[in-house]
Structures are given as C-alpha cells and as structure tokens.
Amino acid sequence: MKNGGRIIMIGSCVGERCMTPGLVPYSATKGAVKMFAQGLSREVGSRGITVNNIQPGPIDTDLNPASGEWATPQKAATALGRYGSVDEVAALVAFVASPEAAYITGANLTVDGGTNA
C-alpha cells in the first residue's frame, strides 16, 4: 500500500458489547477486528496509513431486514428506536477515507443508533 493510504474495516457494535444470547462467537470475531485495527494502526502509522474500524449496529439489509423477526428487539435496544441505513454507514466510511480524517487512526467508530450507549 502506498504511503498515506486508508484501511477501513467493517466490524460490529457487538465487538464492544454482546447483549444477545447466541451471538458470542460472532461478537468475539468482531472484537478481534477491533483489536486488529488498533494494533495495525501502530504498525503502519509511520507511513501515514490510517487504520480504522467502523462498527455498525442494526442496519437494514437483506440479511437483517428492519421488518424481520429480529427487528423489534433490535430497534428497542437502540436509543433512536430504529434501524440504521446502509447510506448512514457509507457516509461514515466516506468521511474516514477522506483527507479530513487524516489524523484519525486506530479508532473504533460506532454507528449504532445508540445501541451501545
């Protein structure tokens, strides 16, 4: 990778807090993504490369629809009472990839509607 590049990982808010029985293995993998981003940021930082982890909460996708059987408890777990959209996650990714975010590295940026609040 060229100097000054951007590495952006997509984790999950459950990498910070697992509140749902049965999600322990998934949560553990997302916790590993979190720590990998933090560690890698130190290894490549001298080259001006940033490494950040975006941690979405409930997002309306084909695999996790806002109208699906899991929707009601997931919405209730958010401070905003709703699912997020793919566009809301994409906006954060675009910002982290931009020159304005050049001093952000090793961060775990959660976009979860307040699920982990």
PDB file of N, CA and C in Angstrom:
ATOM      1  N   MET A   1       0.846  -1.176   0.000  1.00  0.00           N
ATOM      2  CA  MET A   1       0.000   0.000   0.000  1.00  0.00           C
ATOM      3  C   MET A   1       0.889   1.235   0.000  1.00  0.00           C
ATOM      4  N   LYS A   2       0.454   2.228  -0.744  1.00  0.00           N
ATOM      5  CA  LYS A   2       1.197   3.480  -0.803  1.00  0.00           C
ATOM      6  C   LYS A   2       1.137   4.215   0.539  1.00  0.00           C
ATOM      7  N   ASN A   3       2.157   5.019   0.777  1.00  0.00           N
ATOM      8  CA  ASN A   3       2.129   5.880   1.954  1.00  0.00           C
ATOM      9  C   ASN A   3       0.882   6.763   1.890  1.00  0.00           C
ATOM     10  N   GLY A   4       0.298   7.029   3.042  1.00  0.00           N
ATOM     11  CA  GLY A   4      -0.883   7.883   3.110  1.00  0.00           C
ATOM     12  C   GLY A   4      -2.192   7.187   2.796  1.00  0.00           C
ATOM     13  N   GLY A   5      -2.160   5.862   2.671  1.00  0.00           N
ATOM     14  CA  GLY A   5      -3.379   5.118   2.339  1.00  0.00           C
ATOM     15  C   GLY A   5      -4.341   4.999   3.511  1.00  0.00           C
ATOM     16  N   ARG A   6      -5.473   4.404   3.230  1.00  0.00           N
ATOM     17  CA  ARG A   6      -6.511   4.207   4.244  1.00  0.00           C
ATOM     18  C   ARG A   6      -6.917   2.733   4.276  1.00  0.00           C
ATOM     19  N   ILE A   7      -6.946   2.170   5.454  1.00  0.00           N
ATOM     20  CA  ILE A   7      -7.502   0.834   5.658  1.00  0.00           C
ATOM     21  C   ILE A   7      -8.728   1.022   6.528  1.00  0.00           C
ATOM     22  N   ILE A   8      -9.881   0.577   6.026  1.00  0.00           N
ATOM     23  CA  ILE A   8     -11.131   0.726   6.754  1.00  0.00           C
ATOM     24  C   ILE A   8     -11.774  -0.652   6.876  1.00  0.00           C
ATOM     25  N   MET A   9     -11.947  -1.072   8.109  1.00  0.00           N
ATOM     26  CA  MET A   9     -12.557  -2.376   8.389  1.00  0.00           C
ATOM     27  C   MET A   9     -14.002  -2.168   8.804  1.00  0.00           C
ATOM     28  N   ILE A  10     -14.820  -3.171   8.552  1.00  0.00           N
ATOM     29  CA  ILE A  10     -16.208  -3.135   8.996  1.00  0.00           C
ATOM     30  C   ILE A  10     -16.374  -4.224  10.052  1.00  0.00           C
ATOM     31  N   GLY A  11     -16.562  -3.786  11.283  1.00  0.00           N
ATOM     32  CA  GLY A  11     -16.781  -4.702  12.395  1.00  0.00           C
ATOM     33  C   GLY A  11     -18.254  -4.718  12.759  1.00  0.00           C
ATOM     34  N   SER A  12     -18.532  -4.574  14.038  1.00  0.00           N
ATOM     35  CA  SER A  12     -19.905  -4.540  14.534  1.00  0.00           C
ATOM     36  C   SER A  12     -19.904  -3.973  15.940  1.00  0.00           C
ATOM     37  N   CYS A  13     -21.005  -3.336  16.310  1.00  0.00           N
ATOM     38  CA  CYS A  13     -21.115  -2.809  17.677  1.00  0.00           C
ATOM     39  C   CYS A  13     -21.066  -3.934  18.702  1.00  0.00           C
ATOM     40  N   VAL A  14     -21.372  -5.167  18.301  1.00  0.00           N
ATOM     41  CA  VAL A  14     -21.291  -6.271  19.254  1.00  0.00           C
ATOM     42  C   VAL A  14     -19.847  -6.687  19.531  1.00  0.00           C
ATOM     43  N   GLY A  15     -18.893  -6.087  18.824  1.00  0.00           N
ATOM     44  CA  GLY A  15     -17.487  -6.263  19.165  1.00  0.00           C
ATOM     45  C   GLY A  15     -17.122  -5.507  20.431  1.00  0.00           C
ATOM     46  N   GLU A  16     -18.004  -4.598  20.848  1.00  0.00           N
ATOM     47  CA  GLU A  16     -17.836  -3.836  22.090  1.00  0.00           C
ATOM     48  C   GLU A  16     -18.681  -4.425  23.220  1.00  0.00           C
ATOM     49  N   ARG A  17     -19.888  -4.890  22.869  1.00  0.00           N
ATOM     50  CA  ARG A  17     -20.816  -5.380  23.896  1.00  0.00           C
ATOM     51  C   ARG A  17     -21.759  -6.395  23.264  1.00  0.00           C
ATOM     52  N   CYS A  18     -21.765  -7.580  23.793  1.00  0.00           N
ATOM     53  CA  CYS A  18     -22.656  -8.640  23.297  1.00  0.00           C
ATOM     54  C   CYS A  18     -23.849  -8.746  24.240  1.00  0.00           C
ATOM     55  N   MET A  19     -25.022  -8.346  23.749  1.00  0.00           N
ATOM     56  CA  MET A  19     -26.222  -8.333  24.592  1.00  0.00           C
ATOM     57  C   MET A  19     -27.213  -9.434  24.237  1.00  0.00           C
ATOM     58  N   THR A  20     -26.907 -10.233  23.209  1.00  0.00           N
ATOM     59  CA  THR A  20     -27.869 -11.210  22.725  1.00  0.00           C
ATOM     60  C   THR A  20     -27.318 -12.623  22.862  1.00  0.00           C
ATOM     61  N   PRO A  21     -28.019 -13.496  23.577  1.00  0.00           N
ATOM     62  CA  PRO A  21     -27.571 -14.880  23.670  1.00  0.00           C
ATOM     63  C   PRO A  21     -27.424 -15.497  22.279  1.00  0.00           C
ATOM     64  N   GLY A  22     -26.402 -16.299  22.108  1.00  0.00           N
ATOM     65  CA  GLY A  22     -26.160 -16.961  20.829  1.00  0.00           C
ATOM     66  C   GLY A  22     -25.233 -16.193  19.907  1.00  0.00           C
ATOM     67  N   LEU A  23     -24.888 -14.951  20.261  1.00  0.00           N
ATOM     68  CA  LEU A  23     -24.004 -14.146  19.411  1.00  0.00           C
ATOM     69  C   LEU A  23     -22.550 -14.118  19.901  1.00  0.00           C
ATOM     70  N   VAL A  24     -22.230 -14.942  20.885  1.00  0.00           N
ATOM     71  CA  VAL A  24     -20.879 -14.903  21.448  1.00  0.00           C
ATOM     72  C   VAL A  24     -19.799 -15.156  20.396  1.00  0.00           C
ATOM     73  N   PRO A  25     -19.885 -16.183  19.554  1.00  0.00           N
ATOM     74  CA  PRO A  25     -18.828 -16.377  18.550  1.00  0.00           C
ATOM     75  C   PRO A  25     -18.709 -15.197  17.581  1.00  0.00           C
ATOM     76  N   TYR A  26     -19.846 -14.688  17.125  1.00  0.00           N
ATOM     77  CA  TYR A  26     -19.841 -13.534  16.216  1.00  0.00           C
ATOM     78  C   TYR A  26     -19.223 -12.323  16.908  1.00  0.00           C
ATOM     79  N   SER A  27     -19.630 -12.083  18.142  1.00  0.00           N
ATOM     80  CA  SER A  27     -19.107 -10.965  18.915  1.00  0.00           C
ATOM     81  C   SER A  27     -17.598 -11.080  19.100  1.00  0.00           C
ATOM     82  N   ALA A  28     -17.125 -12.281  19.370  1.00  0.00           N
ATOM     83  CA  ALA A  28     -15.681 -12.492  19.559  1.00  0.00           C
ATOM     84  C   ALA A  28     -14.901 -12.167  18.288  1.00  0.00           C
ATOM     85  N   THR A  29     -15.445 -12.530  17.127  1.00  0.00           N
ATOM     86  CA  THR A  29     -14.741 -12.215  15.879  1.00  0.00           C
ATOM     87  C   THR A  29     -14.700 -10.722  15.640  1.00  0.00           C
ATOM     88  N   LYS A  30     -15.769 -10.020  15.997  1.00  0.00           N
ATOM     89  CA  LYS A  30     -15.799  -8.566  15.804  1.00  0.00           C
ATOM     90  C   LYS A  30     -14.904  -7.867  16.820  1.00  0.00           C
ATOM     91  N   GLY A  31     -14.759  -8.434  18.007  1.00  0.00           N
ATOM     92  CA  GLY A  31     -13.787  -7.920  18.964  1.00  0.00           C
ATOM     93  C   GLY A  31     -12.371  -8.079  18.445  1.00  0.00           C
ATOM     94  N   ALA A  32     -12.110  -9.174  17.729  1.00  0.00           N
ATOM     95  CA  ALA A  32     -10.796  -9.390  17.129  1.00  0.00           C
ATOM     96  C   ALA A  32     -10.522  -8.357  16.032  1.00  0.00           C
ATOM     97  N   VAL A  33     -11.537  -8.020  15.243  1.00  0.00           N
ATOM     98  CA  VAL A  33     -11.383  -6.987  14.215  1.00  0.00           C
ATOM     99  C   VAL A  33     -11.020  -5.663  14.874  1.00  0.00           C
ATOM    100  N   LYS A  34     -11.673  -5.350  15.972  1.00  0.00           N
ATOM    101  CA  LYS A  34     -11.408  -4.122  16.732  1.00  0.00           C
ATOM    102  C   LYS A  34      -9.936  -4.055  17.156  1.00  0.00           C
ATOM    103  N   MET A  35      -9.452  -5.114  17.759  1.00  0.00           N
ATOM    104  CA  MET A  35      -8.069  -5.123  18.242  1.00  0.00           C
ATOM    105  C   MET A  35      -7.070  -5.143  17.083  1.00  0.00           C
ATOM    106  N   PHE A  36      -7.415  -5.822  15.990  1.00  0.00           N
ATOM    107  CA  PHE A  36      -6.542  -5.848  14.817  1.00  0.00           C
ATOM    108  C   PHE A  36      -6.371  -4.441  14.255  1.00  0.00           C
ATOM    109  N   ALA A  37      -7.463  -3.700  14.167  1.00  0.00           N
ATOM    110  CA  ALA A  37      -7.390  -2.324  13.653  1.00  0.00           C
ATOM    111  C   ALA A  37      -6.516  -1.458  14.549  1.00  0.00           C
ATOM    112  N   GLN A  38      -6.687  -1.581  15.847  1.00  0.00           N
ATOM    113  CA  GLN A  38      -5.886  -0.791  16.770  1.00  0.00           C
ATOM    114  C   GLN A  38      -4.402  -1.135  16.645  1.00  0.00           C
ATOM    115  N   GLY A  39      -4.084  -2.408  16.638  1.00  0.00           N
ATOM    116  CA  GLY A  39      -2.687  -2.825  16.544  1.00  0.00           C
ATOM    117  C   GLY A  39      -2.060  -2.475  15.208  1.00  0.00           C
ATOM    118  N   LEU A  40      -2.775  -2.737  14.119  1.00  0.00           N
ATOM    119  CA  LEU A  40      -2.235  -2.456  12.797  1.00  0.00           C
ATOM    120  C   LEU A  40      -1.995  -0.964  12.592  1.00  0.00           C
ATOM    121  N   SER A  41      -2.818  -0.132  13.204  1.00  0.00           N
ATOM    122  CA  SER A  41      -2.631   1.313  13.050  1.00  0.00           C
ATOM    123  C   SER A  41      -1.249   1.742  13.537  1.00  0.00           C
ATOM    124  N   ARG A  42      -0.747   1.105  14.569  1.00  0.00           N
ATOM    125  CA  ARG A  42       0.593   1.432  15.081  1.00  0.00           C
ATOM    126  C   ARG A  42       1.689   0.905  14.163  1.00  0.00           C
ATOM    127  N   GLU A  43       1.431  -0.218  13.512  1.00  0.00           N
ATOM    128  CA  GLU A  43       2.444  -0.807  12.629  1.00  0.00           C
ATOM    129  C   GLU A  43       2.630  -0.037  11.330  1.00  0.00           C
ATOM    130  N   VAL A  44       1.580   0.575  10.826  1.00  0.00           N
ATOM    131  CA  VAL A  44       1.678   1.261   9.531  1.00  0.00           C
ATOM    132  C   VAL A  44       1.584   2.778   9.644  1.00  0.00           C
ATOM    133  N   GLY A  45       1.401   3.275  10.845  1.00  0.00           N
ATOM    134  CA  GLY A  45       1.244   4.715  11.053  1.00  0.00           C
ATOM    135  C   GLY A  45       2.423   5.547  10.591  1.00  0.00           C
ATOM    136  N   SER A  46       3.627   5.029  10.729  1.00  0.00           N
ATOM    137  CA  SER A  46       4.807   5.795  10.316  1.00  0.00           C
ATOM    138  C   SER A  46       4.819   6.066   8.817  1.00  0.00           C
ATOM    139  N   ARG A  47       4.001   5.344   8.073  1.00  0.00           N
ATOM    140  CA  ARG A  47       3.893   5.550   6.628  1.00  0.00           C
ATOM    141  C   ARG A  47       2.699   6.432   6.269  1.00  0.00           C
ATOM    142  N   GLY A  48       2.060   6.999   7.292  1.00  0.00           N
ATOM    143  CA  GLY A  48       0.907   7.859   7.042  1.00  0.00           C
ATOM    144  C   GLY A  48      -0.351   7.100   6.684  1.00  0.00           C
ATOM    145  N   ILE A  49      -0.336   5.798   6.879  1.00  0.00           N
ATOM    146  CA  ILE A  49      -1.505   4.965   6.593  1.00  0.00           C
ATOM    147  C   ILE A  49      -2.383   4.944   7.839  1.00  0.00           C
ATOM    148  N   THR A  50      -3.662   5.214   7.663  1.00  0.00           N
ATOM    149  CA  THR A  50      -4.588   5.129   8.785  1.00  0.00           C
ATOM    150  C   THR A  50      -5.357   3.813   8.721  1.00  0.00           C
ATOM    151  N   VAL A  51      -5.699   3.316   9.895  1.00  0.00           N
ATOM    152  CA  VAL A  51      -6.465   2.074  10.015  1.00  0.00           C
ATOM    153  C   VAL A  51      -7.594   2.329  11.004  1.00  0.00           C
ATOM    154  N   ASN A  52      -8.816   2.169  10.542  1.00  0.00           N
ATOM    155  CA  ASN A  52      -9.962   2.401  11.398  1.00  0.00           C
ATOM    156  C   ASN A  52     -11.010   1.313  11.213  1.00  0.00           C
ATOM    157  N   ASN A  53     -11.812   1.117  12.238  1.00  0.00           N
ATOM    158  CA  ASN A  53     -12.841   0.089  12.265  1.00  0.00           C
ATOM    159  C   ASN A  53     -14.201   0.753  12.439  1.00  0.00           C
ATOM    160  N   ILE A  54     -15.079   0.555  11.479  1.00  0.00           N
ATOM    161  CA  ILE A  54     -16.451   1.049  11.559  1.00  0.00           C
ATOM    162  C   ILE A  54     -17.289  -0.063  12.190  1.00  0.00           C
ATOM    163  N   GLN A  55     -18.054   0.276  13.230  1.00  0.00           N
ATOM    164  CA  GLN A  55     -18.822  -0.721  13.969  1.00  0.00           C
ATOM    165  C   GLN A  55     -20.323  -0.424  13.878  1.00  0.00           C
ATOM    166  N   PRO A  56     -20.987  -0.935  12.837  1.00  0.00           N
ATOM    167  CA  PRO A  56     -22.427  -0.690  12.716  1.00  0.00           C
ATOM    168  C   PRO A  56     -23.228  -1.458  13.763  1.00  0.00           C
ATOM    169  N   GLY A  57     -24.376  -0.905  14.073  1.00  0.00           N
ATOM    170  CA  GLY A  57     -25.369  -1.609  14.877  1.00  0.00           C
ATOM    171  C   GLY A  57     -26.397  -2.214  13.947  1.00  0.00           C
ATOM    172  N   PRO A  58     -27.657  -2.254  14.348  1.00  0.00           N
ATOM    173  CA  PRO A  58     -28.689  -2.813  13.478  1.00  0.00           C
ATOM    174  C   PRO A  58     -28.854  -1.953  12.215  1.00  0.00           C
ATOM    175  N   ILE A  59     -28.552  -2.550  11.083  1.00  0.00           N
ATOM    176  CA  ILE A  59     -28.645  -1.862   9.796  1.00  0.00           C
ATOM    177  C   ILE A  59     -29.604  -2.650   8.911  1.00  0.00           C
ATOM    178  N   ASP A  60     -30.483  -1.949   8.245  1.00  0.00           N
ATOM    179  CA  ASP A  60     -31.484  -2.562   7.372  1.00  0.00           C
ATOM    180  C   ASP A  60     -30.808  -3.117   6.120  1.00  0.00           C
ATOM    181  N   THR A  61     -30.619  -4.432   6.096  1.00  0.00           N
ATOM    182  CA  THR A  61     -30.016  -5.120   4.955  1.00  0.00           C
ATOM    183  C   THR A  61     -30.854  -6.353   4.622  1.00  0.00           C
ATOM    184  N   ASP A  62     -30.507  -7.026   3.534  1.00  0.00           N
ATOM    185  CA  ASP A  62     -31.214  -8.250   3.171  1.00  0.00           C
ATOM    186  C   ASP A  62     -31.073  -9.323   4.250  1.00  0.00           C
ATOM    187  N   LEU A  63     -29.897  -9.393   4.895  1.00  0.00           N
ATOM    188  CA  LEU A  63     -29.674 -10.403   5.927  1.00  0.00           C
ATOM    189  C   LEU A  63     -30.284 -10.028   7.275  1.00  0.00           C
ATOM    190  N   ASN A  64     -30.545  -8.745   7.495  1.00  0.00           N
ATOM    191  CA  ASN A  64     -31.087  -8.272   8.771  1.00  0.00           C
ATOM    192  C   ASN A  64     -32.120  -7.169   8.496  1.00  0.00           C
ATOM    193  N   PRO A  65     -33.253  -7.533   7.874  1.00  0.00           N
ATOM    194  CA  PRO A  65     -34.221  -6.506   7.483  1.00  0.00           C
ATOM    195  C   PRO A  65     -34.895  -5.837   8.679  1.00  0.00           C
ATOM    196  N   ALA A  66     -35.192  -4.565   8.519  1.00  0.00           N
ATOM    197  CA  ALA A  66     -35.858  -3.795   9.566  1.00  0.00           C
ATOM    198  C   ALA A  66     -37.275  -4.292   9.825  1.00  0.00           C
ATOM    199  N   SER A  67     -37.772  -5.171   8.981  1.00  0.00           N
ATOM    200  CA  SER A  67     -39.108  -5.742   9.171  1.00  0.00           C
ATOM    201  C   SER A  67     -39.052  -7.229   9.512  1.00  0.00           C
ATOM    202  N   GLY A  68     -37.842  -7.739   9.791  1.00  0.00           N
ATOM    203  CA  GLY A  68     -37.674  -9.160  10.076  1.00  0.00           C
ATOM    204  C   GLY A  68     -38.038  -9.528  11.500  1.00  0.00           C
ATOM    205  N   GLU A  69     -37.908 -10.839  11.805  1.00  0.00           N
ATOM    206  CA  GLU A  69     -38.309 -11.340  13.122  1.00  0.00           C
ATOM    207  C   GLU A  69     -37.450 -10.798  14.255  1.00  0.00           C
ATOM    208  N   TRP A  70     -36.220 -10.389  13.972  1.00  0.00           N
ATOM    209  CA  TRP A  70     -35.329  -9.825  14.993  1.00  0.00           C
ATOM    210  C   TRP A  70     -35.483  -8.314  15.118  1.00  0.00           C
ATOM    211  N   ALA A  71     -36.281  -7.710  14.270  1.00  0.00           N
ATOM    212  CA  ALA A  71     -36.350  -6.245  14.204  1.00  0.00           C
ATOM    213  C   ALA A  71     -36.851  -5.601  15.494  1.00  0.00           C
ATOM    214  N   THR A  72     -37.897  -6.113  16.069  1.00  0.00           N
ATOM    215  CA  THR A  72     -38.475  -5.467  17.247  1.00  0.00           C
ATOM    216  C   THR A  72     -37.484  -5.375  18.405  1.00  0.00           C
ATOM    217  N   PRO A  73     -36.817  -6.470  18.805  1.00  0.00           N
ATOM    218  CA  PRO A  73     -35.861  -6.331  19.907  1.00  0.00           C
ATOM    219  C   PRO A  73     -34.636  -5.486  19.542  1.00  0.00           C
ATOM    220  N   GLN A  74     -34.205  -5.524  18.285  1.00  0.00           N
ATOM    221  CA  GLN A  74     -33.058  -4.707  17.895  1.00  0.00           C
ATOM    222  C   GLN A  74     -33.398  -3.224  17.915  1.00  0.00           C
ATOM    223  N   LYS A  75     -34.565  -2.868  17.424  1.00  0.00           N
ATOM    224  CA  LYS A  75     -34.999  -1.464  17.474  1.00  0.00           C
ATOM    225  C   LYS A  75     -35.118  -0.998  18.927  1.00  0.00           C
ATOM    226  N   ALA A  76     -35.661  -1.851  19.775  1.00  0.00           N
ATOM    227  CA  ALA A  76     -35.841  -1.498  21.185  1.00  0.00           C
ATOM    228  C   ALA A  76     -34.497  -1.293  21.890  1.00  0.00           C
ATOM    229  N   ALA A  77     -33.453  -1.945  21.403  1.00  0.00           N
ATOM    230  CA  ALA A  77     -32.128  -1.822  22.024  1.00  0.00           C
ATOM    231  C   ALA A  77     -31.397  -0.549  21.619  1.00  0.00           C
ATOM    232  N   THR A  78     -31.909   0.174  20.627  1.00  0.00           N
ATOM    233  CA  THR A  78     -31.248   1.408  20.198  1.00  0.00           C
ATOM    234  C   THR A  78     -31.859   2.609  20.902  1.00  0.00           C
ATOM    235  N   ALA A  79     -31.048   3.636  21.120  1.00  0.00           N
ATOM    236  CA  ALA A  79     -31.555   4.875  21.711  1.00  0.00           C
ATOM    237  C   ALA A  79     -32.498   5.594  20.751  1.00  0.00           C
ATOM    238  N   LEU A  80     -32.282   5.417  19.447  1.00  0.00           N
ATOM    239  CA  LEU A  80     -33.107   6.095  18.449  1.00  0.00           C
ATOM    240  C   LEU A  80     -34.355   5.311  18.071  1.00  0.00           C
ATOM    241  N   GLY A  81     -34.447   4.047  18.502  1.00  0.00           N
ATOM    242  CA  GLY A  81     -35.635   3.248  18.239  1.00  0.00           C
ATOM    243  C   GLY A  81     -35.827   2.845  16.798  1.00  0.00           C
ATOM    244  N   ARG A  82     -34.740   2.753  16.053  1.00  0.00           N
ATOM    245  CA  ARG A  82     -34.875   2.376  14.641  1.00  0.00           C
ATOM    246  C   ARG A  82     -33.597   1.711  14.140  1.00  0.00           C
ATOM    247  N   TYR A  83     -33.715   1.076  13.005  1.00  0.00           N
ATOM    248  CA  TYR A  83     -32.560   0.547  12.303  1.00  0.00           C
ATOM    249  C   TYR A  83     -31.840   1.696  11.595  1.00  0.00           C
ATOM    250  N   GLY A  84     -30.565   1.512  11.348  1.00  0.00           N
ATOM    251  CA  GLY A  84     -29.828   2.437  10.510  1.00  0.00           C
ATOM    252  C   GLY A  84     -29.918   2.004   9.057  1.00  0.00           C
ATOM    253  N   SER A  85     -29.448   2.877   8.191  1.00  0.00           N
ATOM    254  CA  SER A  85     -29.443   2.558   6.760  1.00  0.00           C
ATOM    255  C   SER A  85     -28.009   2.328   6.281  1.00  0.00           C
ATOM    256  N   VAL A  86     -27.912   1.629   5.185  1.00  0.00           N
ATOM    257  CA  VAL A  86     -26.612   1.405   4.562  1.00  0.00           C
ATOM    258  C   VAL A  86     -25.959   2.746   4.229  1.00  0.00           C
ATOM    259  N   ASP A  87     -26.750   3.712   3.803  1.00  0.00           N
ATOM    260  CA  ASP A  87     -26.213   5.035   3.466  1.00  0.00           C
ATOM    261  C   ASP A  87     -25.601   5.733   4.680  1.00  0.00           C
ATOM    262  N   GLU A  88     -26.161   5.515   5.865  1.00  0.00           N
ATOM    263  CA  GLU A  88     -25.599   6.131   7.071  1.00  0.00           C
ATOM    264  C   GLU A  88     -24.229   5.539   7.401  1.00  0.00           C
ATOM    265  N   VAL A  89     -24.073   4.248   7.197  1.00  0.00           N
ATOM    266  CA  VAL A  89     -22.767   3.617   7.397  1.00  0.00           C
ATOM    267  C   VAL A  89     -21.797   4.086   6.314  1.00  0.00           C
ATOM    268  N   ALA A  90     -22.251   4.130   5.075  1.00  0.00           N
ATOM    269  CA  ALA A  90     -21.407   4.564   3.958  1.00  0.00           C
ATOM    270  C   ALA A  90     -20.900   5.987   4.157  1.00  0.00           C
ATOM    271  N   ALA A  91     -21.719   6.849   4.737  1.00  0.00           N
ATOM    272  CA  ALA A  91     -21.299   8.234   4.978  1.00  0.00           C
ATOM    273  C   ALA A  91     -20.115   8.285   5.942  1.00  0.00           C
ATOM    274  N   LEU A  92     -20.135   7.442   6.961  1.00  0.00           N
ATOM    275  CA  LEU A  92     -19.012   7.397   7.901  1.00  0.00           C
ATOM    276  C   LEU A  92     -17.763   6.826   7.231  1.00  0.00           C
ATOM    277  N   VAL A  93     -17.935   5.804   6.428  1.00  0.00           N
ATOM    278  CA  VAL A  93     -16.807   5.233   5.689  1.00  0.00           C
ATOM    279  C   VAL A  93     -16.194   6.289   4.769  1.00  0.00           C
ATOM    280  N   ALA A  94     -17.033   7.026   4.061  1.00  0.00           N
ATOM    281  CA  ALA A  94     -16.541   8.067   3.149  1.00  0.00           C
ATOM    282  C   ALA A  94     -15.766   9.134   3.909  1.00  0.00           C
ATOM    283  N   PHE A  95     -16.261   9.523   5.079  1.00  0.00           N
ATOM    284  CA  PHE A  95     -15.539  10.515   5.879  1.00  0.00           C
ATOM    285  C   PHE A  95     -14.182   9.984   6.316  1.00  0.00           C
ATOM    286  N   VAL A  96     -14.146   8.755   6.827  1.00  0.00           N
ATOM    287  CA  VAL A  96     -12.884   8.176   7.310  1.00  0.00           C
ATOM    288  C   VAL A  96     -11.882   8.029   6.160  1.00  0.00           C
ATOM    289  N   ALA A  97     -12.367   7.855   4.941  1.00  0.00           N
ATOM    290  CA  ALA A  97     -11.485   7.740   3.772  1.00  0.00           C
ATOM    291  C   ALA A  97     -11.019   9.094   3.260  1.00  0.00           C
ATOM    292  N   SER A  98     -11.628  10.159   3.736  1.00  0.00           N
ATOM    293  CA  SER A  98     -11.343  11.493   3.210  1.00  0.00           C
ATOM    294  C   SER A  98     -10.097  12.121   3.826  1.00  0.00           C
ATOM    295  N   PRO A  99      -9.552  13.150   3.176  1.00  0.00           N
ATOM    296  CA  PRO A  99      -8.397  13.865   3.734  1.00  0.00           C
ATOM    297  C   PRO A  99      -8.696  14.510   5.091  1.00  0.00           C
ATOM    298  N   GLU A 100      -9.958  14.844   5.334  1.00  0.00           N
ATOM    299  CA  GLU A 100     -10.335  15.463   6.607  1.00  0.00           C
ATOM    300  C   GLU A 100     -10.126  14.534   7.795  1.00  0.00           C
ATOM    301  N   ALA A 101     -10.031  13.235   7.549  1.00  0.00           N
ATOM    302  CA  ALA A 101      -9.863  12.249   8.624  1.00  0.00           C
ATOM    303  C   ALA A 101      -8.431  11.742   8.718  1.00  0.00           C
ATOM    304  N   ALA A 102      -7.493  12.492   8.175  1.00  0.00           N
ATOM    305  CA  ALA A 102      -6.099  12.042   8.122  1.00  0.00           C
ATOM    306  C   ALA A 102      -5.466  11.840   9.494  1.00  0.00           C
ATOM    307  N   TYR A 103      -6.018  12.424  10.540  1.00  0.00           N
ATOM    308  CA  TYR A 103      -5.445  12.293  11.877  1.00  0.00           C
ATOM    309  C   TYR A 103      -6.247  11.313  12.743  1.00  0.00           C
ATOM    310  N   ILE A 104      -7.158  10.590  12.132  1.00  0.00           N
ATOM    311  CA  ILE A 104      -7.927   9.573  12.849  1.00  0.00           C
ATOM    312  C   ILE A 104      -7.373   8.213  12.469  1.00  0.00           C
ATOM    313  N   THR A 105      -6.826   7.503  13.450  1.00  0.00           N
ATOM    314  CA  THR A 105      -6.325   6.158  13.200  1.00  0.00           C
ATOM    315  C   THR A 105      -6.408   5.336  14.476  1.00  0.00           C
ATOM    316  N   GLY A 106      -6.588   4.039  14.307  1.00  0.00           N
ATOM    317  CA  GLY A 106      -6.731   3.150  15.451  1.00  0.00           C
ATOM    318  C   GLY A 106      -8.059   3.321  16.158  1.00  0.00           C
ATOM    319  N   ALA A 107      -9.013   3.945  15.481  1.00  0.00           N
ATOM    320  CA  ALA A 107     -10.306   4.241  16.098  1.00  0.00           C
ATOM    321  C   ALA A 107     -11.337   3.165  15.763  1.00  0.00           C
ATOM    322  N   ASN A 108     -12.220   2.971  16.708  1.00  0.00           N
ATOM    323  CA  ASN A 108     -13.373   2.106  16.520  1.00  0.00           C
ATOM    324  C   ASN A 108     -14.591   3.016  16.555  1.00  0.00           C
ATOM    325  N   LEU A 109     -15.120   3.307  15.378  1.00  0.00           N
ATOM    326  CA  LEU A 109     -16.181   4.292  15.233  1.00  0.00           C
ATOM    327  C   LEU A 109     -17.525   3.579  15.108  1.00  0.00           C
ATOM    328  N   THR A 110     -18.353   3.778  16.114  1.00  0.00           N
ATOM    329  CA  THR A 110     -19.619   3.063  16.188  1.00  0.00           C
ATOM    330  C   THR A 110     -20.747   3.900  15.614  1.00  0.00           C
ATOM    331  N   VAL A 111     -21.499   3.294  14.702  1.00  0.00           N
ATOM    332  CA  VAL A 111     -22.669   3.928  14.099  1.00  0.00           C
ATOM    333  C   VAL A 111     -23.840   2.957  14.338  1.00  0.00           C
ATOM    334  N   ASP A 112     -24.423   3.089  15.551  1.00  0.00           N
ATOM    335  CA  ASP A 112     -25.368   2.066  16.002  1.00  0.00           C
ATOM    336  C   ASP A 112     -26.670   2.612  16.572  1.00  0.00           C
ATOM    337  N   GLY A 113     -26.964   3.879  16.334  1.00  0.00           N
ATOM    338  CA  GLY A 113     -28.201   4.458  16.826  1.00  0.00           C
ATOM    339  C   GLY A 113     -28.309   4.462  18.346  1.00  0.00           C
ATOM    340  N   GLY A 114     -27.171   4.326  19.003  1.00  0.00           N
ATOM    341  CA  GLY A 114     -27.161   4.331  20.468  1.00  0.00           C
ATOM    342  C   GLY A 114     -27.342   2.952  21.091  1.00  0.00           C
ATOM    343  N   THR A 115     -27.116   1.897  20.331  1.00  0.00           N
ATOM    344  CA  THR A 115     -27.239   0.554  20.881  1.00  0.00           C
ATOM    345  C   THR A 115     -26.284   0.351  22.058  1.00  0.00           C
ATOM    346  N   ASN A 116     -25.064   0.839  21.928  1.00  0.00           N
ATOM    347  CA  ASN A 116     -24.076   0.661  22.987  1.00  0.00           C
ATOM    348  C   ASN A 116     -23.993   1.851  23.933  1.00  0.00           C
ATOM    349  N   ALA A 117     -24.936   2.760  23.836  1.00  0.00           N
ATOM    350  CA  ALA A 117     -24.927   3.950  24.706  1.00  0.00           C
ATOM    351  C   ALA A 117     -25.206   3.564  26.144  1.00  0.00           C
TER     352      ALA A 117
END
